[in-house]
Protein backbone atom coordinates (compact mmCIF):
# COMPACT_ATOMS: atom_id res chain seq x y z
CA MET A 1 119.96 -0.06 102.96
CA ALA A 2 121.86 1.95 105.44
CA ILE A 3 120.74 5.36 106.20
CA PHE A 4 124.23 6.77 106.10
CA ASN A 5 125.51 5.44 102.82
CA GLU A 6 128.78 7.35 102.37
CA PRO A 7 129.42 6.56 98.70
CA ASN A 8 126.08 8.03 97.63
CA ARG A 9 126.27 11.18 99.77
CA THR A 10 126.37 14.45 97.95
CA ARG A 11 129.59 16.20 98.75
CA LEU A 12 129.55 19.93 99.25
CA VAL A 13 132.28 21.50 97.16
CA LYS A 14 133.46 24.94 98.04
CA LYS A 15 133.62 26.95 94.89
CA THR A 16 136.51 29.29 94.56
CA LYS A 17 135.80 32.73 93.18
CA ARG A 18 137.54 33.54 90.02
CA LYS A 19 139.72 36.53 89.90
CA GLY A 20 137.78 39.57 88.78
CA SER A 21 134.33 38.00 89.16
CA SER A 22 133.46 39.80 92.38
CA ILE A 23 130.57 42.21 92.29
CA PHE A 24 132.64 44.81 94.09
CA ASP A 25 135.73 44.31 92.00
CA GLU A 26 136.64 47.80 90.74
CA SER A 27 139.66 46.77 88.76
CA ASN A 28 137.76 46.65 85.45
CA ILE A 29 135.75 49.85 85.95
CA GLU A 30 136.48 52.44 83.31
CA THR A 31 136.26 56.04 84.40
CA LYS A 32 134.98 58.45 81.79
CA LYS A 33 136.64 61.79 81.58
CA GLU A 34 134.28 64.74 81.79
CA ASP A 35 134.36 66.94 78.75
CA LYS A 36 135.43 70.41 79.72
CA PRO A 37 133.29 73.17 78.24
CA LYS A 38 134.99 74.99 75.44
CA LYS A 39 136.02 78.50 76.26
CA ILE A 40 134.18 81.12 74.26
CA LYS A 41 136.53 83.51 72.58
CA VAL A 42 135.59 87.06 73.42
CA LYS A 43 135.99 89.57 70.66
CA SER A 44 138.66 92.11 71.38
CA SER A 45 136.66 95.11 70.14
CA PHE A 46 133.13 96.17 69.24
CA ALA A 47 134.22 96.62 65.63
CA GLU A 48 134.51 92.84 65.26
CA ILE A 49 130.83 92.25 66.09
CA SER A 50 129.32 95.45 64.73
CA PRO A 51 127.04 94.99 61.69
CA ILE A 52 128.34 98.32 60.33
CA ILE A 53 131.95 98.59 59.26
CA ASP A 54 132.23 101.88 57.38
CA ILE A 55 130.46 104.97 56.07
CA THR A 56 130.83 105.79 52.39
CA GLY A 57 131.43 109.11 50.70
CA ASN A 58 127.70 109.34 49.94
CA GLY A 59 126.88 109.01 53.64
CA TYR A 60 125.62 105.40 53.41
CA PHE A 61 126.58 102.74 55.93
CA GLN A 62 128.46 99.71 54.64
CA LEU A 63 127.38 96.49 56.35
CA SER A 64 129.64 93.61 57.35
CA ASN A 65 129.72 90.12 55.79
CA GLU A 66 128.93 91.62 52.38
CA ASP A 67 125.34 92.34 53.46
CA GLY A 68 125.20 95.50 51.37
CA TYR A 69 124.51 99.07 52.38
CA MET A 70 122.06 100.95 54.58
CA GLU A 71 120.72 104.48 54.89
CA ILE A 72 118.81 106.13 57.76
CA VAL A 73 116.19 108.79 57.00
CA GLN A 74 113.74 110.55 59.26
CA LEU A 75 109.97 110.45 58.78
CA THR A 76 108.10 113.68 59.42
CA SER A 77 105.33 112.70 61.82
CA THR A 78 101.79 114.11 61.69
CA ASP A 79 99.18 114.46 64.41
CA ILE A 80 96.25 112.68 62.75
CA TYR A 81 93.90 113.75 65.56
CA ALA A 82 94.32 117.36 64.45
CA LEU A 83 93.23 116.53 60.87
CA ASN A 84 89.76 116.44 59.47
CA HIS A 85 88.22 113.12 58.49
CA ASP A 86 89.14 113.23 54.78
CA ASP A 87 92.78 114.19 55.33
CA LYS A 88 93.17 111.56 58.03
CA GLU A 89 91.74 108.82 55.80
CA LYS A 90 93.99 109.91 52.93
CA LYS A 91 97.14 109.65 55.03
CA ILE A 92 96.18 106.29 56.53
CA TYR A 93 95.38 104.73 53.14
CA SER A 94 98.51 106.22 51.57
CA LEU A 95 100.68 104.65 54.28
CA ALA A 96 98.90 101.29 53.87
CA TYR A 97 99.49 101.47 50.11
CA PHE A 98 103.18 102.18 50.63
CA LEU A 99 103.61 99.19 52.95
CA GLN A 100 102.02 96.95 50.31
CA TRP A 101 103.95 98.50 47.43
CA TYR A 102 107.46 98.46 48.94
CA GLN A 103 108.70 94.87 48.72
CA TYR A 104 112.28 95.33 49.95
CA ASP A 105 113.85 95.18 53.40
CA MET A 106 113.28 98.20 55.63
CA LYS A 107 112.66 99.09 59.27
CA ILE A 108 110.71 101.89 60.95
CA ILE A 109 112.05 102.64 64.44
CA PRO A 110 110.73 105.26 66.92
CA LEU A 111 113.21 106.88 69.32
CA ASN A 112 112.96 109.52 72.01
CA PHE A 113 115.45 112.38 71.75
CA PRO A 114 115.74 115.34 74.14
CA VAL A 115 114.42 118.67 72.95
CA ASP A 116 117.23 120.91 71.75
CA THR A 117 116.74 124.49 72.99
CA SER A 118 120.37 125.58 72.76
CA GLY A 119 119.61 128.12 70.00
CA GLN A 120 116.86 129.83 72.01
CA GLN A 121 119.03 129.84 75.13
CA GLN A 122 121.90 131.53 73.29
CA PHE A 123 119.51 134.17 71.99
CA ILE A 124 118.18 134.94 75.49
CA LEU A 125 121.70 135.06 76.95
CA LYS A 126 122.67 137.69 74.37
CA LYS A 127 119.59 139.71 75.30
CA LEU A 128 120.50 139.45 78.99
CA ASP A 129 123.98 140.83 78.29
CA ARG A 130 122.58 143.87 76.48
CA THR A 131 119.59 144.86 78.62
CA THR A 132 119.65 146.95 81.78
CA ASN A 133 115.90 146.95 82.41
CA ALA A 134 115.28 145.06 85.65
CA GLN A 135 111.76 143.92 84.74
CA TYR A 136 112.85 142.79 81.27
CA ARG A 137 115.81 140.89 82.75
CA LEU A 138 113.44 139.11 85.14
CA PHE A 139 111.27 138.09 82.19
CA LEU A 140 114.28 136.80 80.22
CA GLU A 141 115.62 134.85 83.18
CA GLN A 142 112.24 133.16 83.60
CA LYS A 143 112.19 132.21 79.92
CA LEU A 144 115.73 130.84 80.18
CA LYS A 145 114.74 128.59 83.10
CA GLU A 146 111.74 127.32 81.12
CA LEU A 147 113.95 126.42 78.15
CA GLN A 148 116.46 124.66 80.41
CA PHE A 149 113.65 122.67 82.03
CA ILE A 150 112.26 121.63 78.63
CA GLU A 151 115.69 120.50 77.45
CA THR A 152 116.31 118.32 80.52
CA GLU A 153 112.80 116.97 81.19
CA ARG A 154 111.07 116.73 77.81
CA ALA A 155 111.73 114.52 74.79
CA ASN A 156 110.61 114.39 71.18
CA ARG A 157 109.36 111.13 69.67
CA GLU A 158 111.08 110.82 66.30
CA TYR A 159 110.60 108.15 63.64
CA TYR A 160 113.37 106.77 61.44
CA MET A 161 113.38 104.46 58.44
CA PHE A 162 116.27 102.10 57.70
CA ILE A 163 116.55 101.37 53.97
CA TYR A 164 118.75 98.52 52.65
CA ALA A 165 120.25 97.53 49.28
CA ASP A 166 123.06 95.40 47.86
CA ASP A 167 124.94 98.36 46.36
CA GLU A 168 125.02 102.15 46.63
CA PHE A 169 123.37 102.79 43.26
CA THR A 170 120.36 100.60 44.12
CA LEU A 171 120.16 102.17 47.56
CA HIS A 172 120.10 105.67 46.04
CA SER A 173 117.26 104.62 43.71
CA ARG A 174 115.24 103.13 46.55
CA ILE A 175 115.64 106.25 48.67
CA LYS A 176 114.27 108.36 45.80
CA ALA A 177 111.34 105.96 45.33
CA VAL A 178 110.52 105.93 49.04
CA SER A 179 110.73 109.72 49.19
CA ALA A 180 108.29 110.07 46.29
CA GLN A 181 105.77 107.61 47.72
CA MET A 182 105.95 108.90 51.31
CA ASN A 183 105.77 112.59 50.41
CA VAL A 184 101.99 112.70 50.96
CA VAL A 185 101.99 110.77 54.25
CA CYS A 186 105.20 111.77 56.04
CA PRO A 187 107.91 113.45 53.97
CA ILE A 188 111.42 112.03 54.13
CA VAL A 189 114.11 114.12 55.85
CA ARG A 190 117.79 113.43 55.07
CA LEU A 191 120.06 113.44 58.11
CA SER A 192 123.63 114.49 58.74
CA ASP A 193 126.31 111.89 59.47
CA GLU A 194 126.48 113.09 63.07
CA LYS A 195 122.76 112.57 63.58
CA LYS A 196 122.84 109.07 62.07
CA ILE A 197 125.78 108.11 64.27
CA ASN A 198 123.83 109.35 67.31
CA ILE A 199 120.89 107.14 66.28
CA LEU A 200 123.15 104.09 66.08
CA TYR A 201 124.69 105.01 69.44
CA LYS A 202 121.21 105.21 70.96
CA LEU A 203 120.19 101.82 69.54
CA ASN A 204 123.30 100.14 70.95
CA ASN A 205 123.13 101.97 74.32
CA LEU A 206 119.44 102.16 75.18
CA ASN A 207 120.01 103.10 78.83
CA SER A 208 122.49 105.86 78.14
CA LYS A 209 121.93 109.50 77.43
CA ASN A 210 122.26 110.76 73.89
CA LYS A 211 125.53 112.37 72.96
CA SER A 212 123.69 115.08 71.08
CA SER A 213 120.15 115.78 69.94
CA LYS A 214 121.20 117.89 67.00
CA GLY A 215 120.88 116.78 63.42
CA ASP A 216 120.97 118.78 60.24
CA LYS A 217 118.05 118.24 57.94
């Protein structure tokens, strides 16, 4: 048998690449479109995002989204370290009983408000206008500077309770019940509309100065 037998030789056939079968063929690559982030619509005014929409004739705040009504009252604080043991225990247990007894929504929030000495300053200014005694004037001027320093550098820690209800009648009943139960521990003080608005302003602008520290009781 011949070594070079042509009929039985394996013929090398050059394979032709089919169209689109190349590894680097980018004709069939689908490009995905990136989803653009949706633009967040900014509310045009604070009234659209505020939880409070109105104040009623009774002085209660009406909440948005039909969440009911709210009232703000002040709690008269007490220095328990100045009390004797029995009085201190009575107040502590009375407050604990109230927190267990009251089953509805409420908040207790402490806030710092500047000391208001405007009344005392007006009184001293009137005295300064009327007196001619040099020593007495010097005394009054010193007192006036002390009051001005207290008003700018000192603050009072005040405590407020936020009471909630679905309607004004229920809210009025709850305020009366809270007032009766808290009378022994820290009596409830009703606030003027101006004072309550200042409290809301302070809560929404914690780094700003208070518009006013006054509030009728």
